[in-house]
């Protein structure tokens, strides 16, 4: 699962029931909505630059973070809205094929959402979960889940840390997985 799809994937991997997944997603969404209202942040999609170039621009401009590692040349960046134009200009100077102002309500999967994760922690701590199927790869740590504590910590961190989509898919492929369902 990519972002909220992580919960769908965990349900499919046996970590929790369908009802639990719905409840967790609902509460998570409320926490994210509240955090997004506290900050004026958003996201940009960057296509056609390497990770190094995207990281360089983010580092130079500041107030921004790589939020999604979608492919070797496709990234999402969470940023303060006040610096979007500066970021767009810098990505264009670096010859990005495309820079898109994403129509989202906040700077997801970045430190801007740490307060949402903190709000969500109590729900995670109180929830009963199972270890997911052994082939489940968590897209933040790009690793298998080995304990319920690790699962809950990863769901907490997933709110404010990047989605490592491409590295997760690559790891699954390297481990012999060859069937993916979208």
C-alpha atoms as a PDB file:
ATOM      1  CA  UNK A   1       0.000   0.000   0.000  1.00  0.00           C
ATOM      2  CA  UNK A   2       1.200   3.497  -0.868  1.00  0.00           C
ATOM      3  CA  UNK A   3      -0.068   6.034   1.665  1.00  0.00           C
ATOM      4  CA  UNK A   4      -3.492   5.338   3.110  1.00  0.00           C
ATOM      5  CA  UNK A   5      -3.180   2.121   1.088  1.00  0.00           C
ATOM      6  CA  UNK A   6      -0.743   0.928   3.745  1.00  0.00           C
ATOM      7  CA  UNK A   7      -3.842   0.183   5.843  1.00  0.00           C
ATOM      8  CA  UNK A   8      -5.471  -1.763   2.993  1.00  0.00           C
ATOM      9  CA  UNK A   9      -2.274  -3.749   2.589  1.00  0.00           C
ATOM     10  CA  UNK A  10      -2.053  -4.426   6.334  1.00  0.00           C
ATOM     11  CA  UNK A  11      -5.677  -5.596   6.343  1.00  0.00           C
ATOM     12  CA  UNK A  12      -4.941  -7.915   3.392  1.00  0.00           C
ATOM     13  CA  UNK A  13      -1.821  -9.160   5.215  1.00  0.00           C
ATOM     14  CA  UNK A  14      -3.867 -10.073   8.317  1.00  0.00           C
ATOM     15  CA  UNK A  15      -2.673  -7.331  10.692  1.00  0.00           C
ATOM     16  CA  UNK A  16      -6.201  -6.253  11.612  1.00  0.00           C
ATOM     17  CA  UNK A  17      -9.844  -6.648  10.663  1.00  0.00           C
ATOM     18  CA  UNK A  18     -11.695  -4.651   8.016  1.00  0.00           C
ATOM     19  CA  UNK A  19     -13.600  -2.819  10.759  1.00  0.00           C
ATOM     20  CA  UNK A  20     -10.337  -1.955  12.532  1.00  0.00           C
ATOM     21  CA  UNK A  21      -8.863  -0.668   9.268  1.00  0.00           C
ATOM     22  CA  UNK A  22     -11.877   1.602   8.733  1.00  0.00           C
ATOM     23  CA  UNK A  23     -11.704   2.902  12.295  1.00  0.00           C
ATOM     24  CA  UNK A  24      -7.944   3.528  12.111  1.00  0.00           C
ATOM     25  CA  UNK A  25      -8.218   5.301   8.767  1.00  0.00           C
ATOM     26  CA  UNK A  26     -11.080   7.448  10.075  1.00  0.00           C
ATOM     27  CA  UNK A  27      -9.212   8.531  13.203  1.00  0.00           C
ATOM     28  CA  UNK A  28      -5.964   9.018  11.262  1.00  0.00           C
ATOM     29  CA  UNK A  29      -7.811  11.249   8.791  1.00  0.00           C
ATOM     30  CA  UNK A  30      -9.212  13.403  11.594  1.00  0.00           C
ATOM     31  CA  UNK A  31      -5.735  13.801  13.095  1.00  0.00           C
ATOM     32  CA  UNK A  32      -4.299  14.765   9.695  1.00  0.00           C
ATOM     33  CA  UNK A  33      -7.101  17.255   9.079  1.00  0.00           C
ATOM     34  CA  UNK A  34      -6.423  18.919  12.424  1.00  0.00           C
ATOM     35  CA  UNK A  35      -2.658  19.058  11.786  1.00  0.00           C
ATOM     36  CA  UNK A  36      -3.180  20.436   8.277  1.00  0.00           C
ATOM     37  CA  UNK A  37      -5.303  23.245   9.717  1.00  0.00           C
ATOM     38  CA  UNK A  38      -2.393  24.216  11.998  1.00  0.00           C
ATOM     39  CA  UNK A  39       0.063  24.754   9.132  1.00  0.00           C
ATOM     40  CA  UNK A  40      -0.137  26.255   5.672  1.00  0.00           C
ATOM     41  CA  UNK A  41       1.562  23.477   3.772  1.00  0.00           C
ATOM     42  CA  UNK A  42       1.112  21.611   0.544  1.00  0.00           C
ATOM     43  CA  UNK A  43       2.916  19.384  -1.921  1.00  0.00           C
ATOM     44  CA  UNK A  44       4.607  19.467  -5.283  1.00  0.00           C
ATOM     45  CA  UNK A  45       5.133  16.566  -7.688  1.00  0.00           C
ATOM     46  CA  UNK A  46       8.540  16.516  -9.378  1.00  0.00           C
ATOM     47  CA  UNK A  47       9.156  14.408 -12.478  1.00  0.00           C
ATOM     48  CA  UNK A  48      12.419  14.021 -14.351  1.00  0.00           C
ATOM     49  CA  UNK A  49      15.041  14.737 -11.686  1.00  0.00           C
ATOM     50  CA  UNK A  50      17.200  12.360  -9.701  1.00  0.00           C
ATOM     51  CA  UNK A  51      16.836  11.969  -5.953  1.00  0.00           C
ATOM     52  CA  UNK A  52      20.115  13.853  -5.519  1.00  0.00           C
ATOM     53  CA  UNK A  53      18.869  16.878  -7.479  1.00  0.00           C
ATOM     54  CA  UNK A  54      15.535  16.952  -5.653  1.00  0.00           C
ATOM     55  CA  UNK A  55      17.322  16.675  -2.295  1.00  0.00           C
ATOM     56  CA  UNK A  56      19.706  19.459  -3.315  1.00  0.00           C
ATOM     57  CA  UNK A  57      16.864  21.863  -4.182  1.00  0.00           C
ATOM     58  CA  UNK A  58      14.970  20.993  -0.989  1.00  0.00           C
ATOM     59  CA  UNK A  59      18.143  21.568   1.019  1.00  0.00           C
ATOM     60  CA  UNK A  60      18.895  24.911  -0.629  1.00  0.00           C
ATOM     61  CA  UNK A  61      15.381  26.346  -0.444  1.00  0.00           C
ATOM     62  CA  UNK A  62      14.497  24.922   2.987  1.00  0.00           C
ATOM     63  CA  UNK A  63      11.072  24.603   4.636  1.00  0.00           C
ATOM     64  CA  UNK A  64      10.481  21.503   2.486  1.00  0.00           C
ATOM     65  CA  UNK A  65      11.012  17.736   2.580  1.00  0.00           C
ATOM     66  CA  UNK A  66      10.972  14.842   0.143  1.00  0.00           C
ATOM     67  CA  UNK A  67       7.725  13.123   1.111  1.00  0.00           C
ATOM     68  CA  UNK A  68       7.356  10.358  -1.492  1.00  0.00           C
ATOM     69  CA  UNK A  69       9.974   8.341  -3.349  1.00  0.00           C
ATOM     70  CA  UNK A  70       7.771   7.190  -6.235  1.00  0.00           C
ATOM     71  CA  UNK A  71      10.406   6.153  -8.786  1.00  0.00           C
ATOM     72  CA  UNK A  72      14.037   7.002  -9.546  1.00  0.00           C
ATOM     73  CA  UNK A  73      12.787  10.158 -11.326  1.00  0.00           C
ATOM     74  CA  UNK A  74       9.461  10.909  -9.598  1.00  0.00           C
ATOM     75  CA  UNK A  75       9.175  12.495  -6.149  1.00  0.00           C
ATOM     76  CA  UNK A  76       6.680  14.437  -4.081  1.00  0.00           C
ATOM     77  CA  UNK A  77       7.866  17.286  -1.897  1.00  0.00           C
ATOM     78  CA  UNK A  78       5.982  18.660   1.112  1.00  0.00           C
ATOM     79  CA  UNK A  79       6.576  22.338   1.763  1.00  0.00           C
ATOM     80  CA  UNK A  80       5.334  25.488   3.373  1.00  0.00           C
ATOM     81  CA  UNK A  81       2.980  27.174   0.907  1.00  0.00           C
ATOM     82  CA  UNK A  82       4.987  30.394   1.216  1.00  0.00           C
ATOM     83  CA  UNK A  83       7.943  28.859  -0.627  1.00  0.00           C
ATOM     84  CA  UNK A  84       6.133  26.897  -3.357  1.00  0.00           C
ATOM     85  CA  UNK A  85       7.003  29.407  -6.079  1.00  0.00           C
ATOM     86  CA  UNK A  86      10.678  29.398  -5.075  1.00  0.00           C
ATOM     87  CA  UNK A  87      10.742  25.597  -5.181  1.00  0.00           C
ATOM     88  CA  UNK A  88       8.994  25.486  -8.550  1.00  0.00           C
ATOM     89  CA  UNK A  89      11.506  27.974  -9.947  1.00  0.00           C
ATOM     90  CA  UNK A  90      14.474  25.983  -8.636  1.00  0.00           C
ATOM     91  CA  UNK A  91      13.139  22.667  -9.934  1.00  0.00           C
ATOM     92  CA  UNK A  92      12.570  24.259 -13.335  1.00  0.00           C
ATOM     93  CA  UNK A  93      16.157  25.637 -13.314  1.00  0.00           C
ATOM     94  CA  UNK A  94      17.320  22.075 -12.689  1.00  0.00           C
ATOM     95  CA  UNK A  95      15.402  21.046 -15.852  1.00  0.00           C
ATOM     96  CA  UNK A  96      12.637  18.991 -14.252  1.00  0.00           C
ATOM     97  CA  UNK A  97      10.370  17.539 -16.943  1.00  0.00           C
ATOM     98  CA  UNK A  98       7.328  18.495 -14.910  1.00  0.00           C
ATOM     99  CA  UNK A  99       6.552  20.240 -11.626  1.00  0.00           C
ATOM    100  CA  UNK A 100       2.955  19.982 -10.398  1.00  0.00           C
ATOM    101  CA  UNK A 101       1.329  21.822  -7.522  1.00  0.00           C
ATOM    102  CA  UNK A 102      -0.603  18.903  -6.031  1.00  0.00           C
ATOM    103  CA  UNK A 103      -4.179  19.663  -4.904  1.00  0.00           C
ATOM    104  CA  UNK A 104      -3.844  18.390  -1.328  1.00  0.00           C
ATOM    105  CA  UNK A 105      -4.760  19.926   2.029  1.00  0.00           C
ATOM    106  CA  UNK A 106      -1.365  19.563   3.671  1.00  0.00           C
ATOM    107  CA  UNK A 107       2.288  18.614   3.510  1.00  0.00           C
ATOM    108  CA  UNK A 108       1.762  14.891   4.031  1.00  0.00           C
ATOM    109  CA  UNK A 109       4.482  12.428   5.013  1.00  0.00           C
ATOM    110  CA  UNK A 110       6.719  15.145   6.398  1.00  0.00           C
ATOM    111  CA  UNK A 111       7.611  16.678   9.769  1.00  0.00           C
ATOM    112  CA  UNK A 112       4.740  19.121   9.171  1.00  0.00           C
ATOM    113  CA  UNK A 113       2.443  16.240  10.207  1.00  0.00           C
ATOM    114  CA  UNK A 114       4.265  15.234  13.408  1.00  0.00           C
ATOM    115  CA  UNK A 115       1.418  16.655  15.532  1.00  0.00           C
ATOM    116  CA  UNK A 116      -1.026  14.371  13.668  1.00  0.00           C
ATOM    117  CA  UNK A 117       1.160  11.375  14.488  1.00  0.00           C
ATOM    118  CA  UNK A 118       1.286  12.418  18.132  1.00  0.00           C
ATOM    119  CA  UNK A 119      -2.526  12.705  18.213  1.00  0.00           C
ATOM    120  CA  UNK A 120      -2.834   9.257  16.588  1.00  0.00           C
ATOM    121  CA  UNK A 121      -0.385   7.508  18.923  1.00  0.00           C
ATOM    122  CA  UNK A 122      -2.950   6.818  21.688  1.00  0.00           C
ATOM    123  CA  UNK A 123      -5.269   5.093  19.205  1.00  0.00           C
ATOM    124  CA  UNK A 124      -2.399   2.923  17.973  1.00  0.00           C
ATOM    125  CA  UNK A 125      -1.317   2.050  21.506  1.00  0.00           C
ATOM    126  CA  UNK A 126      -4.836   0.906  22.412  1.00  0.00           C
ATOM    127  CA  UNK A 127      -5.447  -1.121  19.245  1.00  0.00           C
ATOM    128  CA  UNK A 128      -5.013  -4.898  19.152  1.00  0.00           C
ATOM    129  CA  UNK A 129      -3.087  -6.004  16.044  1.00  0.00           C
ATOM    130  CA  UNK A 130      -1.449  -9.098  14.561  1.00  0.00           C
ATOM    131  CA  UNK A 131       1.832  -9.455  12.750  1.00  0.00           C
ATOM    132  CA  UNK A 132       1.225  -9.087   9.009  1.00  0.00           C
ATOM    133  CA  UNK A 133       2.075 -11.807   6.485  1.00  0.00           C
ATOM    134  CA  UNK A 134       5.826 -12.432   6.235  1.00  0.00           C
ATOM    135  CA  UNK A 135       6.016 -10.835   2.761  1.00  0.00           C
ATOM    136  CA  UNK A 136       4.627  -7.512   3.971  1.00  0.00           C
ATOM    137  CA  UNK A 137       7.153  -4.698   3.427  1.00  0.00           C
ATOM    138  CA  UNK A 138       6.477  -1.478   5.324  1.00  0.00           C
ATOM    139  CA  UNK A 139       6.984   1.474   2.975  1.00  0.00           C
ATOM    140  CA  UNK A 140       8.627   3.776   5.504  1.00  0.00           C
ATOM    141  CA  UNK A 141      11.368   1.510   6.810  1.00  0.00           C
ATOM    142  CA  UNK A 142      11.414  -0.684   3.670  1.00  0.00           C
ATOM    143  CA  UNK A 143      11.554  -3.700   5.946  1.00  0.00           C
ATOM    144  CA  UNK A 144       9.479  -6.567   7.260  1.00  0.00           C
ATOM    145  CA  UNK A 145       7.526  -6.152  10.497  1.00  0.00           C
ATOM    146  CA  UNK A 146       8.922  -8.339  13.276  1.00  0.00           C
ATOM    147  CA  UNK A 147       6.833  -7.250  16.277  1.00  0.00           C
ATOM    148  CA  UNK A 148       3.519  -5.599  17.104  1.00  0.00           C
ATOM    149  CA  UNK A 149       5.463  -2.745  18.738  1.00  0.00           C
ATOM    150  CA  UNK A 150       7.379  -2.193  15.489  1.00  0.00           C
ATOM    151  CA  UNK A 151       4.130  -2.290  13.494  1.00  0.00           C
ATOM    152  CA  UNK A 152       2.556   0.391  15.690  1.00  0.00           C
ATOM    153  CA  UNK A 153       5.709   2.521  15.645  1.00  0.00           C
ATOM    154  CA  UNK A 154       5.857   2.297  11.850  1.00  0.00           C
ATOM    155  CA  UNK A 155       2.198   3.374  11.542  1.00  0.00           C
ATOM    156  CA  UNK A 156       2.976   6.302  13.847  1.00  0.00           C
ATOM    157  CA  UNK A 157       6.062   7.313  11.823  1.00  0.00           C
ATOM    158  CA  UNK A 158       4.255   6.714   8.505  1.00  0.00           C
ATOM    159  CA  UNK A 159       2.271   9.901   9.118  1.00  0.00           C
ATOM    160  CA  UNK A 160       5.298  12.219   9.226  1.00  0.00           C
ATOM    161  CA  UNK A 161       8.056  10.279   7.444  1.00  0.00           C
ATOM    162  CA  UNK A 162       8.465   9.719   3.703  1.00  0.00           C
ATOM    163  CA  UNK A 163       6.756   6.985   1.708  1.00  0.00           C
ATOM    164  CA  UNK A 164       9.527   4.879   0.213  1.00  0.00           C
ATOM    165  CA  UNK A 165       7.339   3.407  -2.503  1.00  0.00           C
ATOM    166  CA  UNK A 166       9.896   2.588  -5.157  1.00  0.00           C
ATOM    167  CA  UNK A 167      12.433   1.142  -2.689  1.00  0.00           C
ATOM    168  CA  UNK A 168       9.651  -1.008  -1.179  1.00  0.00           C
ATOM    169  CA  UNK A 169       8.562  -2.379  -4.546  1.00  0.00           C
ATOM    170  CA  UNK A 170      12.195  -3.013  -5.489  1.00  0.00           C
ATOM    171  CA  UNK A 171      12.747  -4.956  -2.239  1.00  0.00           C
ATOM    172  CA  UNK A 172       9.646  -7.069  -2.892  1.00  0.00           C
ATOM    173  CA  UNK A 173      10.855  -7.835  -6.414  1.00  0.00           C
ATOM    174  CA  UNK A 174      14.345  -8.713  -5.137  1.00  0.00           C
ATOM    175  CA  UNK A 175      12.743 -11.139  -2.667  1.00  0.00           C
ATOM    176  CA  UNK A 176      10.975 -12.955  -5.538  1.00  0.00           C
ATOM    177  CA  UNK A 177       7.540 -11.324  -5.462  1.00  0.00           C
ATOM    178  CA  UNK A 178       6.303 -10.930  -9.036  1.00  0.00           C
ATOM    179  CA  UNK A 179       2.549 -10.375  -8.689  1.00  0.00           C
ATOM    180  CA  UNK A 180       1.239  -6.944  -7.740  1.00  0.00           C
ATOM    181  CA  UNK A 181      -2.423  -5.950  -7.435  1.00  0.00           C
ATOM    182  CA  UNK A 182      -3.470  -2.341  -7.945  1.00  0.00           C
END
